[in-house]
């Protein structure tokens, strides 16, 4: 049958490629159910047409049937037993697949995944946070999911796995990638205005390449300046989902020329947007609310290290017309700036 054939191939015109250990089983069960539905639909359509023709109205002078319909035990048993067996078969394979997709191997590599409007953030065991999900090929990976605002749903179509991210609780999802490459990752639960933009990528590395990527990505001080890192954090940590840099308005106030300016607050006062104000707005956004806006921003306390916040501040300085950088002759070297950006708060 055609649907069953499509399930054997690596993807089709209506399904993405299979890139995890459970993808083939999920597709097989889907096409199995689809084939049964198609067969019974065809049977019902044919019977409706046959009955419509055979028992059509022939007018008041038509002769009555020679034999009135009677109960047929064999027919009753047939259309009771066969559907029951079909449903039990579907249940068996479905439950088996559910257990395989729910119970993660004990040696699974664990990554924390957090959803918020409208961004995914992934925290690795060494504390590094990225807006894209990087995993090793051939190794079981367990995602511990939560949400910082509303219900989201992490969906990886090529892996045939999805799970809700719910505020105030943790759900788990595991998979094992069977192919290297870049695949789509999206939110499959309507979560607000920009739900369709809550997408990112999952990059599958070979085992050794993954370790090298994680080591390099975790040490941004060795590959970019603090200003470049601040721009990266603004893009990858979800800041750009609520704040613009061109003066236009989103959920949060625009960051255009904010540093060094006087910011009006909801209580009627004003505050100078210096380093302390920006840091406070990141770790305790409810302390001072900008006039005309609501307190909807989540706290990044613990999610961003002190050197990360320092990098964001330096980047905001570089984008503000209210900030005048030091002359080149007295400006700190890149190496010194990196050292300043790498300072940690006590106890970190």
C-alpha atoms as a PDB file:
ATOM      1  CA  UNK A   1       0.000   0.000   0.000  1.00  0.00           C
ATOM      2  CA  UNK A   2       1.343   3.486  -0.872  1.00  0.00           C
ATOM      3  CA  UNK A   3       1.254   5.023   2.637  1.00  0.00           C
ATOM      4  CA  UNK A   4       3.176   2.072   4.094  1.00  0.00           C
ATOM      5  CA  UNK A   5       5.803   2.490   1.362  1.00  0.00           C
ATOM      6  CA  UNK A   6       6.203   6.168   2.195  1.00  0.00           C
ATOM      7  CA  UNK A   7       6.801   5.253   5.837  1.00  0.00           C
ATOM      8  CA  UNK A   8       9.813   3.138   4.858  1.00  0.00           C
ATOM      9  CA  UNK A   9      11.527   5.921   2.916  1.00  0.00           C
ATOM     10  CA  UNK A  10      13.497   8.693   4.634  1.00  0.00           C
ATOM     11  CA  UNK A  11      10.766  11.298   4.630  1.00  0.00           C
ATOM     12  CA  UNK A  12       8.200  12.144   2.006  1.00  0.00           C
ATOM     13  CA  UNK A  13       6.464  15.109   0.462  1.00  0.00           C
ATOM     14  CA  UNK A  14       4.405  15.496   3.645  1.00  0.00           C
ATOM     15  CA  UNK A  15       6.824  14.320   6.369  1.00  0.00           C
ATOM     16  CA  UNK A  16      10.318  15.594   7.283  1.00  0.00           C
ATOM     17  CA  UNK A  17      13.319  13.314   7.287  1.00  0.00           C
ATOM     18  CA  UNK A  18      13.803  10.823  10.098  1.00  0.00           C
ATOM     19  CA  UNK A  19      16.716  11.904  12.295  1.00  0.00           C
ATOM     20  CA  UNK A  20      16.195  10.108  15.627  1.00  0.00           C
ATOM     21  CA  UNK A  21      15.901   6.571  16.935  1.00  0.00           C
ATOM     22  CA  UNK A  22      12.125   6.835  17.448  1.00  0.00           C
ATOM     23  CA  UNK A  23      11.229   8.618  14.202  1.00  0.00           C
ATOM     24  CA  UNK A  24      10.781   5.451  12.127  1.00  0.00           C
ATOM     25  CA  UNK A  25       8.512   3.817  14.734  1.00  0.00           C
ATOM     26  CA  UNK A  26       6.372   6.950  15.019  1.00  0.00           C
ATOM     27  CA  UNK A  27       6.000   7.153  11.246  1.00  0.00           C
ATOM     28  CA  UNK A  28       5.168   3.451  10.945  1.00  0.00           C
ATOM     29  CA  UNK A  29       2.348   3.720  13.472  1.00  0.00           C
ATOM     30  CA  UNK A  30       1.071   6.919  11.846  1.00  0.00           C
ATOM     31  CA  UNK A  31       0.906   5.319   8.400  1.00  0.00           C
ATOM     32  CA  UNK A  32      -0.583   2.145   9.877  1.00  0.00           C
ATOM     33  CA  UNK A  33      -3.470   4.132  11.370  1.00  0.00           C
ATOM     34  CA  UNK A  34      -3.747   6.187   8.189  1.00  0.00           C
ATOM     35  CA  UNK A  35      -3.963   3.029   6.068  1.00  0.00           C
ATOM     36  CA  UNK A  36      -6.725   1.595   8.262  1.00  0.00           C
ATOM     37  CA  UNK A  37      -8.671   4.864   8.118  1.00  0.00           C
ATOM     38  CA  UNK A  38      -8.287   4.981   4.331  1.00  0.00           C
ATOM     39  CA  UNK A  39      -9.421   1.357   3.939  1.00  0.00           C
ATOM     40  CA  UNK A  40     -12.511   1.784   6.116  1.00  0.00           C
ATOM     41  CA  UNK A  41     -13.346   5.092   4.455  1.00  0.00           C
ATOM     42  CA  UNK A  42     -13.224   3.417   1.045  1.00  0.00           C
ATOM     43  CA  UNK A  43     -15.374   0.520   2.339  1.00  0.00           C
ATOM     44  CA  UNK A  44     -18.002   2.888   3.759  1.00  0.00           C
ATOM     45  CA  UNK A  45     -18.117   4.962   0.566  1.00  0.00           C
ATOM     46  CA  UNK A  46     -18.557   1.848  -1.591  1.00  0.00           C
ATOM     47  CA  UNK A  47     -21.288   0.441   0.657  1.00  0.00           C
ATOM     48  CA  UNK A  48     -23.123   3.776   0.707  1.00  0.00           C
ATOM     49  CA  UNK A  49     -23.109   3.876  -3.087  1.00  0.00           C
ATOM     50  CA  UNK A  50     -24.221   0.217  -3.374  1.00  0.00           C
ATOM     51  CA  UNK A  51     -27.033   0.662  -0.881  1.00  0.00           C
ATOM     52  CA  UNK A  52     -28.118   3.946  -2.435  1.00  0.00           C
ATOM     53  CA  UNK A  53     -28.485   2.223  -5.805  1.00  0.00           C
ATOM     54  CA  UNK A  54     -29.954  -1.060  -4.612  1.00  0.00           C
ATOM     55  CA  UNK A  55     -32.441   0.405  -2.163  1.00  0.00           C
ATOM     56  CA  UNK A  56     -33.279   3.572  -4.027  1.00  0.00           C
ATOM     57  CA  UNK A  57     -36.893   4.735  -4.089  1.00  0.00           C
ATOM     58  CA  UNK A  58     -38.756   3.196  -7.085  1.00  0.00           C
ATOM     59  CA  UNK A  59     -42.112   4.863  -6.692  1.00  0.00           C
ATOM     60  CA  UNK A  60     -45.389   3.824  -4.996  1.00  0.00           C
ATOM     61  CA  UNK A  61     -45.980   0.901  -7.397  1.00  0.00           C
ATOM     62  CA  UNK A  62     -42.686  -0.848  -6.656  1.00  0.00           C
ATOM     63  CA  UNK A  63     -42.908  -4.457  -5.531  1.00  0.00           C
ATOM     64  CA  UNK A  64     -41.946  -5.127  -1.902  1.00  0.00           C
ATOM     65  CA  UNK A  65     -38.754  -7.060  -1.114  1.00  0.00           C
ATOM     66  CA  UNK A  66     -39.156 -10.811  -1.337  1.00  0.00           C
ATOM     67  CA  UNK A  67     -37.394 -11.228   1.985  1.00  0.00           C
ATOM     68  CA  UNK A  68     -37.277  -8.731   4.805  1.00  0.00           C
ATOM     69  CA  UNK A  69     -33.881  -7.999   6.396  1.00  0.00           C
ATOM     70  CA  UNK A  70     -33.088 -10.204   9.385  1.00  0.00           C
ATOM     71  CA  UNK A  71     -30.427 -10.297  12.094  1.00  0.00           C
ATOM     72  CA  UNK A  72     -27.106 -11.894  11.027  1.00  0.00           C
ATOM     73  CA  UNK A  73     -25.008 -13.098  13.967  1.00  0.00           C
ATOM     74  CA  UNK A  74     -21.937 -13.770  11.809  1.00  0.00           C
ATOM     75  CA  UNK A  75     -22.013 -10.241  10.407  1.00  0.00           C
ATOM     76  CA  UNK A  76     -22.490  -8.748  13.874  1.00  0.00           C
ATOM     77  CA  UNK A  77     -19.468 -10.678  15.196  1.00  0.00           C
ATOM     78  CA  UNK A  78     -17.371  -9.706  12.182  1.00  0.00           C
ATOM     79  CA  UNK A  79     -17.810  -5.956  12.528  1.00  0.00           C
ATOM     80  CA  UNK A  80     -17.316  -6.214  16.291  1.00  0.00           C
ATOM     81  CA  UNK A  81     -14.297  -8.520  16.526  1.00  0.00           C
ATOM     82  CA  UNK A  82     -12.252  -7.096  13.631  1.00  0.00           C
ATOM     83  CA  UNK A  83     -12.386  -3.430  14.777  1.00  0.00           C
ATOM     84  CA  UNK A  84     -11.603  -4.559  18.344  1.00  0.00           C
ATOM     85  CA  UNK A  85      -8.504  -6.416  17.178  1.00  0.00           C
ATOM     86  CA  UNK A  86      -7.444  -3.398  15.115  1.00  0.00           C
ATOM     87  CA  UNK A  87      -7.850  -1.036  18.078  1.00  0.00           C
ATOM     88  CA  UNK A  88      -5.914  -3.392  20.377  1.00  0.00           C
ATOM     89  CA  UNK A  89      -3.104  -3.598  17.818  1.00  0.00           C
ATOM     90  CA  UNK A  90      -2.921   0.196  17.612  1.00  0.00           C
ATOM     91  CA  UNK A  91      -2.927   0.415  21.420  1.00  0.00           C
ATOM     92  CA  UNK A  92      -0.116  -2.126  21.750  1.00  0.00           C
ATOM     93  CA  UNK A  93       2.252  -0.405  19.331  1.00  0.00           C
ATOM     94  CA  UNK A  94       1.239   3.038  20.584  1.00  0.00           C
ATOM     95  CA  UNK A  95       1.857   2.158  24.236  1.00  0.00           C
ATOM     96  CA  UNK A  96       5.152   0.489  23.385  1.00  0.00           C
ATOM     97  CA  UNK A  97       6.245   3.605  21.506  1.00  0.00           C
ATOM     98  CA  UNK A  98       5.052   5.851  24.340  1.00  0.00           C
ATOM     99  CA  UNK A  99       7.196   3.956  26.857  1.00  0.00           C
ATOM    100  CA  UNK A 100      10.224   4.121  24.565  1.00  0.00           C
ATOM    101  CA  UNK A 101       9.800   7.891  24.171  1.00  0.00           C
ATOM    102  CA  UNK A 102       9.095   8.526  27.871  1.00  0.00           C
ATOM    103  CA  UNK A 103      11.712   6.482  29.731  1.00  0.00           C
ATOM    104  CA  UNK A 104      15.131   8.007  29.084  1.00  0.00           C
ATOM    105  CA  UNK A 105      18.301   5.895  29.360  1.00  0.00           C
ATOM    106  CA  UNK A 106      20.152   6.460  32.668  1.00  0.00           C
ATOM    107  CA  UNK A 107      23.254   7.753  30.864  1.00  0.00           C
ATOM    108  CA  UNK A 108      21.395  10.522  28.986  1.00  0.00           C
ATOM    109  CA  UNK A 109      23.163  13.880  28.615  1.00  0.00           C
ATOM    110  CA  UNK A 110      20.965  16.426  30.400  1.00  0.00           C
ATOM    111  CA  UNK A 111      20.254  19.958  29.135  1.00  0.00           C
ATOM    112  CA  UNK A 112      17.920  22.488  30.776  1.00  0.00           C
ATOM    113  CA  UNK A 113      15.435  24.034  28.314  1.00  0.00           C
ATOM    114  CA  UNK A 114      13.409  27.141  29.079  1.00  0.00           C
ATOM    115  CA  UNK A 115      10.719  28.764  26.960  1.00  0.00           C
ATOM    116  CA  UNK A 116       9.501  32.330  27.199  1.00  0.00           C
ATOM    117  CA  UNK A 117       7.777  34.715  24.827  1.00  0.00           C
ATOM    118  CA  UNK A 118       9.169  34.197  22.278  1.00  0.00           C
ATOM    119  CA  UNK A 119      12.505  32.477  22.699  1.00  0.00           C
ATOM    120  CA  UNK A 120      14.065  29.164  23.646  1.00  0.00           C
ATOM    121  CA  UNK A 121      17.087  29.067  25.978  1.00  0.00           C
ATOM    122  CA  UNK A 122      19.205  25.961  26.591  1.00  0.00           C
ATOM    123  CA  UNK A 123      21.523  25.639  29.601  1.00  0.00           C
ATOM    124  CA  UNK A 124      24.308  23.076  29.406  1.00  0.00           C
ATOM    125  CA  UNK A 125      25.857  21.226  32.372  1.00  0.00           C
ATOM    126  CA  UNK A 126      28.791  23.678  32.510  1.00  0.00           C
ATOM    127  CA  UNK A 127      26.406  26.642  32.831  1.00  0.00           C
ATOM    128  CA  UNK A 128      26.662  27.911  29.263  1.00  0.00           C
ATOM    129  CA  UNK A 129      23.366  29.209  27.839  1.00  0.00           C
ATOM    130  CA  UNK A 130      22.526  29.343  24.128  1.00  0.00           C
ATOM    131  CA  UNK A 131      19.479  30.159  22.037  1.00  0.00           C
ATOM    132  CA  UNK A 132      20.193  27.176  19.765  1.00  0.00           C
ATOM    133  CA  UNK A 133      20.243  23.558  20.862  1.00  0.00           C
ATOM    134  CA  UNK A 134      23.481  21.700  20.184  1.00  0.00           C
ATOM    135  CA  UNK A 135      23.630  17.945  20.826  1.00  0.00           C
ATOM    136  CA  UNK A 136      25.990  15.069  20.042  1.00  0.00           C
ATOM    137  CA  UNK A 137      25.028  12.414  17.510  1.00  0.00           C
ATOM    138  CA  UNK A 138      24.427   8.908  18.847  1.00  0.00           C
ATOM    139  CA  UNK A 139      24.116   9.950  22.511  1.00  0.00           C
ATOM    140  CA  UNK A 140      20.811  10.002  24.424  1.00  0.00           C
ATOM    141  CA  UNK A 141      19.902  13.589  25.368  1.00  0.00           C
ATOM    142  CA  UNK A 142      17.362  14.493  28.039  1.00  0.00           C
ATOM    143  CA  UNK A 143      15.769  17.951  28.044  1.00  0.00           C
ATOM    144  CA  UNK A 144      14.322  19.263  31.316  1.00  0.00           C
ATOM    145  CA  UNK A 145      11.630  21.700  30.194  1.00  0.00           C
ATOM    146  CA  UNK A 146      10.015  24.641  31.944  1.00  0.00           C
ATOM    147  CA  UNK A 147       8.489  27.989  31.018  1.00  0.00           C
ATOM    148  CA  UNK A 148       8.959  31.476  32.423  1.00  0.00           C
ATOM    149  CA  UNK A 149       5.559  32.827  31.373  1.00  0.00           C
ATOM    150  CA  UNK A 150       2.878  30.833  29.519  1.00  0.00           C
ATOM    151  CA  UNK A 151       2.591  27.277  28.216  1.00  0.00           C
ATOM    152  CA  UNK A 152       4.914  26.540  25.308  1.00  0.00           C
ATOM    153  CA  UNK A 153       5.563  23.283  23.473  1.00  0.00           C
ATOM    154  CA  UNK A 154       9.011  22.221  22.270  1.00  0.00           C
ATOM    155  CA  UNK A 155       8.673  20.385  18.966  1.00  0.00           C
ATOM    156  CA  UNK A 156      11.461  18.861  16.831  1.00  0.00           C
ATOM    157  CA  UNK A 157       9.683  17.543  13.699  1.00  0.00           C
ATOM    158  CA  UNK A 158      12.664  15.614  12.299  1.00  0.00           C
ATOM    159  CA  UNK A 159      12.995  13.755  15.625  1.00  0.00           C
ATOM    160  CA  UNK A 160       9.202  13.197  15.996  1.00  0.00           C
ATOM    161  CA  UNK A 161       9.317  14.394  19.614  1.00  0.00           C
ATOM    162  CA  UNK A 162       7.448  17.190  21.383  1.00  0.00           C
ATOM    163  CA  UNK A 163       6.651  18.130  24.960  1.00  0.00           C
ATOM    164  CA  UNK A 164       4.927  20.991  26.793  1.00  0.00           C
ATOM    165  CA  UNK A 165       6.930  23.560  28.741  1.00  0.00           C
ATOM    166  CA  UNK A 166       4.692  24.575  31.655  1.00  0.00           C
ATOM    167  CA  UNK A 167       5.263  27.442  34.124  1.00  0.00           C
ATOM    168  CA  UNK A 168       6.027  26.283  37.648  1.00  0.00           C
ATOM    169  CA  UNK A 169       6.844  22.664  36.809  1.00  0.00           C
ATOM    170  CA  UNK A 170       9.362  20.538  34.938  1.00  0.00           C
ATOM    171  CA  UNK A 171       8.631  18.139  32.081  1.00  0.00           C
ATOM    172  CA  UNK A 172      11.184  15.853  30.501  1.00  0.00           C
ATOM    173  CA  UNK A 173      11.824  14.876  26.908  1.00  0.00           C
ATOM    174  CA  UNK A 174      14.562  12.672  25.517  1.00  0.00           C
ATOM    175  CA  UNK A 175      15.846  11.695  22.094  1.00  0.00           C
ATOM    176  CA  UNK A 176      18.879  10.261  20.360  1.00  0.00           C
ATOM    177  CA  UNK A 177      19.911  11.863  17.091  1.00  0.00           C
ATOM    178  CA  UNK A 178      20.955   9.525  14.285  1.00  0.00           C
ATOM    179  CA  UNK A 179      22.117  12.109  11.733  1.00  0.00           C
ATOM    180  CA  UNK A 180      24.324  15.177  11.893  1.00  0.00           C
ATOM    181  CA  UNK A 181      23.118  18.489  10.504  1.00  0.00           C
ATOM    182  CA  UNK A 182      20.794  21.384  11.331  1.00  0.00           C
ATOM    183  CA  UNK A 183      17.099  20.802  12.035  1.00  0.00           C
ATOM    184  CA  UNK A 184      14.115  22.984  12.905  1.00  0.00           C
ATOM    185  CA  UNK A 185      12.902  23.440  16.468  1.00  0.00           C
ATOM    186  CA  UNK A 186       9.685  25.338  17.115  1.00  0.00           C
ATOM    187  CA  UNK A 187       6.885  26.012  19.588  1.00  0.00           C
ATOM    188  CA  UNK A 188       3.782  23.917  18.880  1.00  0.00           C
ATOM    189  CA  UNK A 189       1.508  25.623  21.429  1.00  0.00           C
ATOM    190  CA  UNK A 190      -0.070  28.987  20.594  1.00  0.00           C
ATOM    191  CA  UNK A 191       1.582  31.351  23.080  1.00  0.00           C
ATOM    192  CA  UNK A 192       0.750  34.868  21.958  1.00  0.00           C
ATOM    193  CA  UNK A 193       1.314  37.493  19.319  1.00  0.00           C
ATOM    194  CA  UNK A 194       4.690  36.305  18.004  1.00  0.00           C
ATOM    195  CA  UNK A 195       4.110  32.573  18.453  1.00  0.00           C
ATOM    196  CA  UNK A 196       5.097  31.869  14.828  1.00  0.00           C
ATOM    197  CA  UNK A 197       8.507  33.464  15.447  1.00  0.00           C
ATOM    198  CA  UNK A 198       9.369  31.191  18.381  1.00  0.00           C
ATOM    199  CA  UNK A 199      11.678  29.037  16.293  1.00  0.00           C
ATOM    200  CA  UNK A 200      15.326  28.108  16.500  1.00  0.00           C
ATOM    201  CA  UNK A 201      17.683  25.383  15.293  1.00  0.00           C
ATOM    202  CA  UNK A 202      19.011  22.150  16.713  1.00  0.00           C
ATOM    203  CA  UNK A 203      22.529  21.365  15.535  1.00  0.00           C
ATOM    204  CA  UNK A 204      23.705  17.758  15.773  1.00  0.00           C
ATOM    205  CA  UNK A 205      27.489  17.306  16.033  1.00  0.00           C
ATOM    206  CA  UNK A 206      29.709  14.289  15.940  1.00  0.00           C
ATOM    207  CA  UNK A 207      30.687  13.380  19.512  1.00  0.00           C
ATOM    208  CA  UNK A 208      34.142  14.959  19.565  1.00  0.00           C
ATOM    209  CA  UNK A 209      32.977  18.011  17.619  1.00  0.00           C
ATOM    210  CA  UNK A 210      30.262  18.653  20.214  1.00  0.00           C
ATOM    211  CA  UNK A 211      32.765  18.738  23.074  1.00  0.00           C
ATOM    212  CA  UNK A 212      34.980  21.130  21.109  1.00  0.00           C
ATOM    213  CA  UNK A 213      31.984  23.381  20.285  1.00  0.00           C
ATOM    214  CA  UNK A 214      30.838  23.543  23.908  1.00  0.00           C
ATOM    215  CA  UNK A 215      34.311  24.413  25.167  1.00  0.00           C
ATOM    216  CA  UNK A 216      34.727  27.165  22.579  1.00  0.00           C
ATOM    217  CA  UNK A 217      31.218  28.579  22.969  1.00  0.00           C
ATOM    218  CA  UNK A 218      31.501  28.719  26.755  1.00  0.00           C
ATOM    219  CA  UNK A 219      34.609  30.934  26.645  1.00  0.00           C
ATOM    220  CA  UNK A 220      33.346  33.925  24.667  1.00  0.00           C
ATOM    221  CA  UNK A 221      36.105  36.094  26.172  1.00  0.00           C
ATOM    222  CA  UNK A 222      38.638  34.251  24.004  1.00  0.00           C
ATOM    223  CA  UNK A 223      36.846  34.783  20.693  1.00  0.00           C
ATOM    224  CA  UNK A 224      35.083  38.163  20.831  1.00  0.00           C
ATOM    225  CA  UNK A 225      35.203  41.541  22.521  1.00  0.00           C
ATOM    226  CA  UNK A 226      32.769  42.428  25.333  1.00  0.00           C
ATOM    227  CA  UNK A 227      30.820  44.689  22.951  1.00  0.00           C
ATOM    228  CA  UNK A 228      30.430  41.844  20.453  1.00  0.00           C
ATOM    229  CA  UNK A 229      29.428  39.512  23.295  1.00  0.00           C
ATOM    230  CA  UNK A 230      26.846  42.029  24.533  1.00  0.00           C
ATOM    231  CA  UNK A 231      25.272  42.135  21.084  1.00  0.00           C
ATOM    232  CA  UNK A 232      25.247  38.329  21.019  1.00  0.00           C
ATOM    233  CA  UNK A 233      23.527  38.141  24.424  1.00  0.00           C
ATOM    234  CA  UNK A 234      20.931  40.693  23.305  1.00  0.00           C
ATOM    235  CA  UNK A 235      20.099  38.466  20.334  1.00  0.00           C
ATOM    236  CA  UNK A 236      20.330  35.013  21.926  1.00  0.00           C
ATOM    237  CA  UNK A 237      18.820  35.626  25.373  1.00  0.00           C
ATOM    238  CA  UNK A 238      15.472  36.846  24.117  1.00  0.00           C
ATOM    239  CA  UNK A 239      16.033  40.595  24.645  1.00  0.00           C
ATOM    240  CA  UNK A 240      15.310  41.365  20.993  1.00  0.00           C
ATOM    241  CA  UNK A 241      11.867  39.756  21.305  1.00  0.00           C
ATOM    242  CA  UNK A 242      10.654  42.610  23.520  1.00  0.00           C
ATOM    243  CA  UNK A 243      13.102  45.472  22.933  1.00  0.00           C
ATOM    244  CA  UNK A 244      14.175  47.193  19.733  1.00  0.00           C
ATOM    245  CA  UNK A 245      17.271  49.252  18.976  1.00  0.00           C
ATOM    246  CA  UNK A 246      15.679  51.569  16.404  1.00  0.00           C
ATOM    247  CA  UNK A 247      13.261  53.474  18.642  1.00  0.00           C
ATOM    248  CA  UNK A 248      10.126  51.507  17.739  1.00  0.00           C
ATOM    249  CA  UNK A 249       7.913  50.112  20.494  1.00  0.00           C
ATOM    250  CA  UNK A 250       7.359  46.467  21.379  1.00  0.00           C
ATOM    251  CA  UNK A 251       6.335  44.891  24.680  1.00  0.00           C
ATOM    252  CA  UNK A 252       9.270  46.608  26.362  1.00  0.00           C
ATOM    253  CA  UNK A 253      10.809  50.069  25.819  1.00  0.00           C
ATOM    254  CA  UNK A 254      13.292  50.567  22.998  1.00  0.00           C
ATOM    255  CA  UNK A 255      16.968  50.517  23.956  1.00  0.00           C
ATOM    256  CA  UNK A 256      17.927  53.113  21.357  1.00  0.00           C
ATOM    257  CA  UNK A 257      20.213  55.702  23.031  1.00  0.00           C
ATOM    258  CA  UNK A 258      19.048  54.597  26.483  1.00  0.00           C
ATOM    259  CA  UNK A 259      22.435  54.610  28.203  1.00  0.00           C
ATOM    260  CA  UNK A 260      23.172  58.036  29.649  1.00  0.00           C
ATOM    261  CA  UNK A 261      19.606  59.316  29.174  1.00  0.00           C
ATOM    262  CA  UNK A 262      16.981  60.235  31.764  1.00  0.00           C
ATOM    263  CA  UNK A 263      14.291  57.531  31.803  1.00  0.00           C
ATOM    264  CA  UNK A 264      10.754  58.466  32.987  1.00  0.00           C
ATOM    265  CA  UNK A 265       9.177  55.963  35.386  1.00  0.00           C
ATOM    266  CA  UNK A 266       5.595  54.976  36.127  1.00  0.00           C
ATOM    267  CA  UNK A 267       5.723  56.683  39.538  1.00  0.00           C
ATOM    268  CA  UNK A 268       6.347  60.057  37.897  1.00  0.00           C
ATOM    269  CA  UNK A 269      10.054  60.249  38.700  1.00  0.00           C
ATOM    270  CA  UNK A 270      13.069  59.937  36.419  1.00  0.00           C
ATOM    271  CA  UNK A 271      16.256  57.939  36.703  1.00  0.00           C
ATOM    272  CA  UNK A 272      19.627  58.177  34.989  1.00  0.00           C
ATOM    273  CA  UNK A 273      20.239  55.108  32.813  1.00  0.00           C
ATOM    274  CA  UNK A 274      23.760  54.360  34.009  1.00  0.00           C
ATOM    275  CA  UNK A 275      25.480  51.035  34.658  1.00  0.00           C
ATOM    276  CA  UNK A 276      23.681  50.450  37.951  1.00  0.00           C
ATOM    277  CA  UNK A 277      20.244  51.124  36.456  1.00  0.00           C
ATOM    278  CA  UNK A 278      20.836  48.772  33.523  1.00  0.00           C
ATOM    279  CA  UNK A 279      22.123  45.998  35.777  1.00  0.00           C
ATOM    280  CA  UNK A 280      19.150  46.417  38.129  1.00  0.00           C
ATOM    281  CA  UNK A 281      16.756  46.315  35.175  1.00  0.00           C
ATOM    282  CA  UNK A 282      18.276  42.974  34.128  1.00  0.00           C
ATOM    283  CA  UNK A 283      18.357  41.196  37.496  1.00  0.00           C
ATOM    284  CA  UNK A 284      15.344  42.938  39.116  1.00  0.00           C
ATOM    285  CA  UNK A 285      13.199  44.378  36.303  1.00  0.00           C
ATOM    286  CA  UNK A 286      10.291  45.177  38.603  1.00  0.00           C
ATOM    287  CA  UNK A 287      12.288  47.624  40.725  1.00  0.00           C
ATOM    288  CA  UNK A 288      11.807  50.551  38.347  1.00  0.00           C
ATOM    289  CA  UNK A 289       9.104  50.377  35.645  1.00  0.00           C
ATOM    290  CA  UNK A 290       9.419  52.654  32.624  1.00  0.00           C
ATOM    291  CA  UNK A 291       6.452  54.959  32.130  1.00  0.00           C
ATOM    292  CA  UNK A 292       3.840  53.487  29.807  1.00  0.00           C
ATOM    293  CA  UNK A 293       4.945  49.878  30.268  1.00  0.00           C
ATOM    294  CA  UNK A 294       3.990  46.973  32.536  1.00  0.00           C
ATOM    295  CA  UNK A 295       6.164  44.744  34.683  1.00  0.00           C
ATOM    296  CA  UNK A 296       6.260  41.683  32.399  1.00  0.00           C
ATOM    297  CA  UNK A 297      10.007  41.161  31.987  1.00  0.00           C
ATOM    298  CA  UNK A 298      11.414  38.057  33.740  1.00  0.00           C
ATOM    299  CA  UNK A 299      14.459  38.371  35.974  1.00  0.00           C
ATOM    300  CA  UNK A 300      17.811  37.208  34.613  1.00  0.00           C
ATOM    301  CA  UNK A 301      19.224  36.779  38.108  1.00  0.00           C
ATOM    302  CA  UNK A 302      21.409  33.667  37.874  1.00  0.00           C
ATOM    303  CA  UNK A 303      20.717  33.248  34.156  1.00  0.00           C
ATOM    304  CA  UNK A 304      23.386  35.803  33.237  1.00  0.00           C
ATOM    305  CA  UNK A 305      26.798  35.972  34.865  1.00  0.00           C
ATOM    306  CA  UNK A 306      28.245  39.279  35.949  1.00  0.00           C
ATOM    307  CA  UNK A 307      30.656  39.350  32.993  1.00  0.00           C
ATOM    308  CA  UNK A 308      27.689  38.748  30.670  1.00  0.00           C
ATOM    309  CA  UNK A 309      25.795  41.691  32.146  1.00  0.00           C
ATOM    310  CA  UNK A 310      28.930  43.832  31.891  1.00  0.00           C
ATOM    311  CA  UNK A 311      29.175  42.925  28.208  1.00  0.00           C
ATOM    312  CA  UNK A 312      25.547  43.946  27.617  1.00  0.00           C
ATOM    313  CA  UNK A 313      26.196  47.297  29.328  1.00  0.00           C
ATOM    314  CA  UNK A 314      29.279  47.926  27.176  1.00  0.00           C
ATOM    315  CA  UNK A 315      27.290  47.111  24.052  1.00  0.00           C
ATOM    316  CA  UNK A 316      24.470  49.472  25.081  1.00  0.00           C
ATOM    317  CA  UNK A 317      27.073  52.189  25.698  1.00  0.00           C
ATOM    318  CA  UNK A 318      28.463  51.709  22.204  1.00  0.00           C
ATOM    319  CA  UNK A 319      24.962  52.139  20.739  1.00  0.00           C
ATOM    320  CA  UNK A 320      24.056  55.310  22.656  1.00  0.00           C
ATOM    321  CA  UNK A 321      24.568  58.866  21.471  1.00  0.00           C
ATOM    322  CA  UNK A 322      24.829  59.895  25.116  1.00  0.00           C
ATOM    323  CA  UNK A 323      28.078  57.970  25.594  1.00  0.00           C
ATOM    324  CA  UNK A 324      31.433  59.343  24.495  1.00  0.00           C
ATOM    325  CA  UNK A 325      34.157  56.699  24.389  1.00  0.00           C
ATOM    326  CA  UNK A 326      37.616  57.514  25.659  1.00  0.00           C
ATOM    327  CA  UNK A 327      40.201  58.707  23.103  1.00  0.00           C
ATOM    328  CA  UNK A 328      42.030  55.917  21.344  1.00  0.00           C
ATOM    329  CA  UNK A 329      45.296  56.803  23.065  1.00  0.00           C
ATOM    330  CA  UNK A 330      43.786  56.263  26.531  1.00  0.00           C
ATOM    331  CA  UNK A 331      41.205  53.575  25.703  1.00  0.00           C
ATOM    332  CA  UNK A 332      41.894  50.199  27.315  1.00  0.00           C
ATOM    333  CA  UNK A 333      43.188  47.476  25.067  1.00  0.00           C
ATOM    334  CA  UNK A 334      40.892  44.672  23.964  1.00  0.00           C
ATOM    335  CA  UNK A 335      42.747  42.365  26.317  1.00  0.00           C
ATOM    336  CA  UNK A 336      42.165  44.736  29.249  1.00  0.00           C
ATOM    337  CA  UNK A 337      38.494  45.186  28.302  1.00  0.00           C
ATOM    338  CA  UNK A 338      38.058  41.442  28.216  1.00  0.00           C
ATOM    339  CA  UNK A 339      39.652  41.170  31.652  1.00  0.00           C
ATOM    340  CA  UNK A 340      37.249  43.808  32.981  1.00  0.00           C
ATOM    341  CA  UNK A 341      34.308  41.996  31.404  1.00  0.00           C
ATOM    342  CA  UNK A 342      35.445  38.693  32.923  1.00  0.00           C
ATOM    343  CA  UNK A 343      35.225  39.968  36.502  1.00  0.00           C
ATOM    344  CA  UNK A 344      32.739  37.997  38.560  1.00  0.00           C
ATOM    345  CA  UNK A 345      30.692  39.055  41.515  1.00  0.00           C
ATOM    346  CA  UNK A 346      31.699  37.710  44.947  1.00  0.00           C
ATOM    347  CA  UNK A 347      30.517  34.194  45.563  1.00  0.00           C
ATOM    348  CA  UNK A 348      29.918  33.390  41.886  1.00  0.00           C
END
